[in-house]
Amino acid sequence: MSRWTPLASLLVLAGCCTVGTPPRDAAEALARVNDNLSKIKDVLYCPAFVSFSFRDAEGRQRSIPLSDSTLFFRGPRDLLFQIKSLVGTIAEFGSNSERYWFWVEDRMWWGRWAESERRAAARLPVPPDELADALLLQPLPERLDGGLKPLLRIDGDDHRLLFVRTDQAGEAVGWREVRLQPHEPYQPAEIIDWLPDGRILMHVQLERYKRVGGDGPFTARHYVVRWPLDGAELRLDITRARFRPDLNEVEFSAFPEQFEGAVEQIGSPPPDPGLSRAGSGGKSFP
């Protein structure tokens, strides 16, 4: 049942919509989210505390306890998210216009956006392509993976954008729910990616929205991201967020060509031994 007051109904009928009223349809809900995120025009810099756990290639559950981290983001895909300890950086998530990667300790996984398919990164402990979606630092697409435009489901104060994913034959292969806050600024409070059989690929909780600067965009400061099928969870608490226009021309998300450790390329045929290497004597990356 809708809880709108008669006054709110009159405002909607009159075509009046402000940030203080719930969205009336999917187009309006999507526009509010994207208008807010479109204000991220300079490099976003966020010191934070992070912890995460994951299941490694041998099936063992591993974890990194609460640690300092720093996140840099520049749309559409430049991301550098480093996790640090007293000895230096111990893990890194990154992406640029061509590639995405994740490394922890002495092992790195990477892939190319142009070659990626949905869930191509399922072998990664924490999929960087899905992390970019989870952090919600760029506008939502009007549709996902060839699907239809989203619907807005309203149940009282519960407002959800529903996206359907389809394959090349037009068959549904999953869907995404984006639950919006029931109050200003009406930004996403939860993101859930589903498989057709009802299993959850990714579950994101977003809380504590604050503006960046005096009149900048609202961004979440607390994230809990879970990948149930991969046994992975990431918790992030951003302590400060500000723009760094001085970094607008800096290449901070360069692919780590000199990584010294085992390397695995995602979404490609099995590589020759030179592409999964240890130490600094391996071949260059393709």
Protein backbone atom coordinates (compact mmCIF):
# COMPACT_ATOMS: atom_id res chain seq x y z
CA MET A 1 0.00 0.00 0.00
CA SER A 2 1.28 3.44 -0.88
CA ARG A 3 1.80 5.83 2.01
CA TRP A 4 1.75 9.00 -0.05
CA THR A 5 -0.23 11.84 1.42
CA PRO A 6 -2.94 13.59 -0.64
CA LEU A 7 -0.60 16.58 -0.96
CA ALA A 8 2.18 14.41 -2.38
CA SER A 9 -0.30 12.90 -4.85
CA LEU A 10 -1.34 16.36 -6.02
CA LEU A 11 2.30 17.34 -6.52
CA VAL A 12 2.92 14.28 -8.66
CA LEU A 13 -0.22 14.87 -10.73
CA ALA A 14 0.93 18.42 -11.28
CA GLY A 15 4.29 17.17 -12.56
CA CYS A 16 6.19 18.57 -9.59
CA CYS A 17 8.97 16.42 -8.26
CA THR A 18 11.67 17.49 -5.81
CA VAL A 19 14.37 15.58 -4.00
CA GLY A 20 12.03 15.49 -0.98
CA THR A 21 9.46 13.25 -2.68
CA PRO A 22 9.83 9.56 -3.61
CA PRO A 23 10.43 8.77 -7.30
CA ARG A 24 7.21 8.10 -9.18
CA ASP A 25 8.62 5.82 -11.91
CA ALA A 26 11.78 3.99 -12.98
CA ALA A 27 12.99 6.78 -15.26
CA GLU A 28 12.82 9.31 -12.44
CA ALA A 29 14.49 6.98 -9.93
CA LEU A 30 17.31 6.20 -12.37
CA ALA A 31 17.74 9.87 -13.24
CA ARG A 32 18.13 10.84 -9.58
CA VAL A 33 20.86 8.27 -9.01
CA ASN A 34 22.69 9.14 -12.22
CA ASP A 35 22.33 12.91 -11.85
CA ASN A 36 23.96 12.57 -8.45
CA LEU A 37 26.82 10.36 -9.68
CA SER A 38 27.43 12.53 -12.75
CA LYS A 39 28.81 15.15 -10.35
CA ILE A 40 31.94 13.02 -9.92
CA LYS A 41 34.02 14.94 -12.45
CA ASP A 42 37.45 14.99 -10.78
CA VAL A 43 39.51 12.20 -9.25
CA LEU A 44 37.83 10.99 -6.06
CA TYR A 45 40.20 10.25 -3.18
CA CYS A 46 39.01 8.20 -0.19
CA PRO A 47 41.11 7.00 2.77
CA ALA A 48 39.31 4.10 4.43
CA PHE A 49 39.45 1.04 6.67
CA VAL A 50 38.82 -2.29 4.99
CA SER A 51 38.68 -5.98 5.81
CA PHE A 52 37.94 -8.87 3.52
CA SER A 53 37.87 -12.64 3.38
CA PHE A 54 37.92 -14.98 0.41
CA ARG A 55 38.33 -18.60 -0.62
CA ASP A 56 41.60 -19.31 -2.41
CA ALA A 57 42.22 -21.66 -5.35
CA GLU A 58 42.73 -24.58 -2.94
CA GLY A 59 39.37 -23.93 -1.27
CA ARG A 60 40.88 -22.54 1.94
CA GLN A 61 39.17 -19.56 3.57
CA ARG A 62 41.59 -16.68 4.00
CA SER A 63 41.14 -13.22 5.46
CA ILE A 64 42.83 -9.85 5.78
CA PRO A 65 41.86 -8.16 9.07
CA LEU A 66 40.95 -4.51 9.43
CA SER A 67 43.56 -2.51 7.52
CA ASP A 68 44.23 0.96 6.19
CA SER A 69 43.35 1.49 2.55
CA THR A 70 43.21 4.22 -0.05
CA LEU A 71 40.83 4.42 -2.99
CA PHE A 72 41.25 6.58 -6.09
CA PHE A 73 38.55 6.71 -8.76
CA ARG A 74 38.17 8.55 -12.06
CA GLY A 75 35.29 7.72 -14.35
CA PRO A 76 34.53 5.71 -16.23
CA ARG A 77 36.91 2.89 -15.23
CA ASP A 78 40.10 4.23 -13.63
CA LEU A 79 40.21 2.64 -10.17
CA LEU A 80 43.06 2.05 -7.74
CA PHE A 81 42.17 0.53 -4.37
CA GLN A 82 45.17 -0.37 -2.22
CA ILE A 83 45.17 -2.21 1.11
CA LYS A 84 48.16 -1.51 3.33
CA SER A 85 50.00 -2.78 6.38
CA LEU A 86 53.10 -1.62 8.22
CA VAL A 87 55.25 -3.23 5.53
CA GLY A 88 53.48 -1.55 2.59
CA THR A 89 50.73 -2.47 0.14
CA ILE A 90 49.55 -6.07 0.62
CA ALA A 91 46.65 -6.19 -1.84
CA GLU A 92 45.39 -4.11 -4.74
CA PHE A 93 42.28 -3.87 -6.87
CA GLY A 94 42.61 -1.87 -10.06
CA SER A 95 41.17 -1.16 -13.46
CA ASN A 96 41.63 1.20 -16.39
CA SER A 97 40.02 1.57 -19.78
CA GLU A 98 41.59 -1.69 -21.00
CA ARG A 99 42.14 -4.08 -18.07
CA TYR A 100 41.10 -4.97 -14.54
CA TRP A 101 43.20 -6.81 -11.95
CA PHE A 102 43.41 -7.99 -8.37
CA TRP A 103 46.51 -9.10 -6.52
CA VAL A 104 47.12 -10.24 -2.98
CA GLU A 105 50.48 -11.24 -1.57
CA ASP A 106 52.28 -13.15 -4.36
CA ARG A 107 49.43 -13.89 -6.78
CA MET A 108 47.66 -11.72 -9.36
CA TRP A 109 44.59 -12.25 -11.54
CA TRP A 110 43.76 -9.96 -14.46
CA GLY A 111 41.52 -9.64 -17.50
CA ARG A 112 40.53 -7.40 -20.38
CA TRP A 113 37.18 -5.62 -20.45
CA ALA A 114 36.88 -6.29 -24.19
CA GLU A 115 37.18 -10.04 -23.63
CA SER A 116 35.12 -10.29 -20.47
CA GLU A 117 31.76 -12.03 -20.24
CA ARG A 118 29.37 -12.03 -17.31
CA ARG A 119 30.99 -13.95 -14.44
CA ALA A 120 34.24 -14.38 -16.38
CA ALA A 121 35.90 -13.25 -13.15
CA ALA A 122 34.24 -15.94 -11.04
CA ARG A 123 37.67 -17.50 -10.41
CA LEU A 124 38.86 -14.32 -8.73
CA PRO A 125 38.59 -14.13 -4.94
CA VAL A 126 37.00 -10.67 -5.28
CA PRO A 127 35.93 -9.83 -8.86
CA PRO A 128 37.20 -6.31 -9.69
CA ASP A 129 34.59 -5.82 -12.41
CA GLU A 130 31.80 -6.40 -9.89
CA LEU A 131 33.59 -4.34 -7.23
CA ALA A 132 33.27 -1.34 -9.55
CA ASP A 133 29.50 -1.92 -9.61
CA ALA A 134 29.37 -2.42 -5.85
CA LEU A 135 31.15 0.84 -5.01
CA LEU A 136 28.57 2.70 -7.11
CA LEU A 137 30.89 5.45 -8.24
CA GLN A 138 29.60 5.72 -11.80
CA PRO A 139 26.09 6.11 -13.26
CA LEU A 140 23.85 3.07 -13.54
CA PRO A 141 23.25 1.83 -17.11
CA GLU A 142 19.77 2.14 -18.54
CA ARG A 143 19.79 -1.61 -19.08
CA LEU A 144 22.07 -4.54 -18.20
CA ASP A 145 23.50 -7.12 -20.63
CA GLY A 146 20.94 -6.61 -23.36
CA GLY A 147 17.96 -6.62 -21.01
CA LEU A 148 14.96 -4.34 -20.91
CA LYS A 149 14.85 -0.95 -19.25
CA PRO A 150 14.31 -1.26 -15.49
CA LEU A 151 10.99 -1.32 -13.70
CA LEU A 152 10.26 0.43 -10.39
CA ARG A 153 8.51 -1.77 -7.84
CA ILE A 154 6.89 0.16 -4.99
CA ASP A 155 5.66 -1.54 -1.81
CA GLY A 156 5.02 1.11 0.82
CA ASP A 157 8.40 2.69 1.59
CA ASP A 158 10.23 -0.04 -0.34
CA HIS A 159 11.29 1.29 -3.78
CA ARG A 160 13.30 -1.07 -5.99
CA LEU A 161 14.68 -0.75 -9.50
CA LEU A 162 14.51 -4.16 -11.21
CA PHE A 163 16.88 -4.91 -14.11
CA VAL A 164 16.62 -8.14 -16.15
CA ARG A 165 19.67 -9.61 -17.88
CA THR A 166 19.24 -11.51 -21.16
CA ASP A 167 21.52 -13.58 -23.40
CA GLN A 168 21.91 -13.21 -27.16
CA ALA A 169 18.76 -15.29 -27.69
CA GLY A 170 16.76 -12.93 -25.48
CA GLU A 171 16.42 -15.44 -22.63
CA ALA A 172 16.60 -14.15 -19.06
CA VAL A 173 19.89 -15.09 -17.40
CA GLY A 174 19.45 -13.20 -14.13
CA TRP A 175 18.36 -9.93 -12.66
CA ARG A 176 19.49 -7.11 -10.42
CA GLU A 177 17.55 -5.36 -7.66
CA VAL A 178 18.55 -1.87 -6.54
CA ARG A 179 16.70 -0.91 -3.37
CA LEU A 180 16.53 2.84 -2.89
CA GLN A 181 16.59 4.75 0.38
CA PRO A 182 13.04 5.60 1.56
CA HIS A 183 14.19 9.16 2.31
CA GLU A 184 16.45 11.85 0.91
CA PRO A 185 18.66 11.60 -1.06
CA TYR A 186 16.91 8.42 -2.39
CA GLN A 187 20.17 6.74 -3.38
CA PRO A 188 20.79 2.96 -3.50
CA ALA A 189 20.80 1.26 -0.10
CA GLU A 190 21.13 -2.30 -1.40
CA ILE A 191 22.16 -4.03 -4.65
CA ILE A 192 21.46 -7.72 -5.25
CA ASP A 193 22.51 -9.70 -8.34
CA TRP A 194 20.52 -12.90 -8.83
CA LEU A 195 20.92 -16.00 -10.98
CA PRO A 196 17.78 -17.48 -12.64
CA ASP A 197 17.75 -20.32 -10.07
CA GLY A 198 17.52 -17.84 -7.18
CA ARG A 199 21.14 -17.96 -6.06
CA ILE A 200 22.80 -14.65 -5.19
CA LEU A 201 25.93 -13.62 -7.10
CA MET A 202 26.57 -10.38 -5.23
CA HIS A 203 24.89 -8.60 -2.32
CA VAL A 204 25.82 -5.00 -1.47
CA GLN A 205 24.72 -2.86 1.45
CA LEU A 206 25.42 0.89 1.23
CA GLU A 207 24.97 3.23 4.21
CA ARG A 208 25.90 6.63 5.63
CA TYR A 209 25.63 8.80 2.54
CA LYS A 210 27.37 12.16 2.76
CA ARG A 211 28.20 14.86 0.25
CA VAL A 212 31.67 15.19 -1.18
CA GLY A 213 32.49 18.79 -0.41
CA GLY A 214 29.82 21.40 0.19
CA ASP A 215 27.68 20.79 -2.87
CA GLY A 216 29.16 17.66 -4.47
CA PRO A 217 27.53 14.27 -4.98
CA PHE A 218 26.27 12.04 -2.20
CA THR A 219 28.45 8.94 -1.80
CA ALA A 220 28.15 6.06 0.66
CA ARG A 221 30.72 5.81 3.43
CA HIS A 222 29.95 2.25 4.61
CA TYR A 223 29.85 -0.79 2.32
CA VAL A 224 29.38 -4.50 2.96
CA VAL A 225 29.86 -6.53 -0.22
CA ARG A 226 29.34 -10.31 -0.33
CA TRP A 227 29.92 -12.83 -3.12
CA PRO A 228 28.27 -15.95 -1.62
CA LEU A 229 29.23 -18.33 -4.44
CA ASP A 230 32.87 -17.29 -4.21
CA GLY A 231 33.01 -17.28 -0.40
CA ALA A 232 34.16 -13.66 -0.41
CA GLU A 233 33.20 -10.63 1.68
CA LEU A 234 34.54 -7.08 1.77
CA ARG A 235 33.75 -4.42 4.39
CA LEU A 236 34.73 -0.83 3.70
CA ASP A 237 34.42 2.26 5.88
CA ILE A 238 35.45 5.48 4.16
CA THR A 239 36.75 8.00 6.66
CA ARG A 240 37.01 10.94 4.27
CA ALA A 241 36.12 11.69 0.65
CA ARG A 242 37.33 14.61 -1.39
CA PHE A 243 38.14 15.51 -4.97
CA ARG A 244 41.74 15.67 -6.20
CA PRO A 245 41.69 17.79 -9.38
CA ASP A 246 45.49 17.83 -9.19
CA LEU A 247 45.39 14.14 -10.23
CA ASN A 248 43.08 14.60 -13.22
CA GLU A 249 45.94 14.12 -15.69
CA VAL A 250 47.89 11.56 -13.63
CA GLU A 251 47.99 7.91 -14.71
CA PHE A 252 47.38 6.43 -11.27
CA SER A 253 45.69 3.23 -12.53
CA ALA A 254 48.55 1.82 -14.59
CA PHE A 255 48.53 -1.97 -14.96
CA PRO A 256 51.21 -3.53 -12.69
CA GLU A 257 53.47 -4.89 -15.43
CA GLN A 258 56.33 -5.49 -12.99
CA PHE A 259 54.34 -7.65 -10.55
CA GLU A 260 56.61 -10.38 -9.20
CA GLY A 261 54.57 -13.47 -8.48
CA ALA A 262 52.20 -15.96 -10.03
CA VAL A 263 49.91 -14.42 -12.67
CA GLU A 264 46.67 -15.75 -14.12
CA GLN A 265 44.74 -14.19 -16.98
CA ILE A 266 40.95 -14.37 -16.62
CA GLY A 267 38.53 -15.24 -19.41
CA SER A 268 41.16 -16.62 -21.79
CA PRO A 269 42.35 -20.04 -22.97
CA PRO A 270 44.98 -21.72 -20.75
CA PRO A 271 48.17 -19.66 -21.18
CA ASP A 272 51.59 -20.95 -22.04
CA PRO A 273 53.93 -21.31 -19.04
CA GLY A 274 55.40 -17.86 -19.66
CA LEU A 275 52.09 -16.17 -18.76
CA SER A 276 51.86 -17.80 -15.34
CA ARG A 277 55.20 -16.96 -13.88
CA ALA A 278 57.07 -16.38 -10.68
CA GLY A 279 59.79 -13.85 -10.10
CA SER A 280 60.87 -11.13 -12.50
CA GLY A 281 62.18 -13.33 -15.32
CA GLY A 282 58.81 -14.09 -16.97
CA LYS A 283 57.60 -12.92 -20.35
CA SER A 284 55.90 -9.58 -20.82
CA PHE A 285 52.11 -9.42 -20.59
CA PRO A 286 50.18 -9.87 -23.86
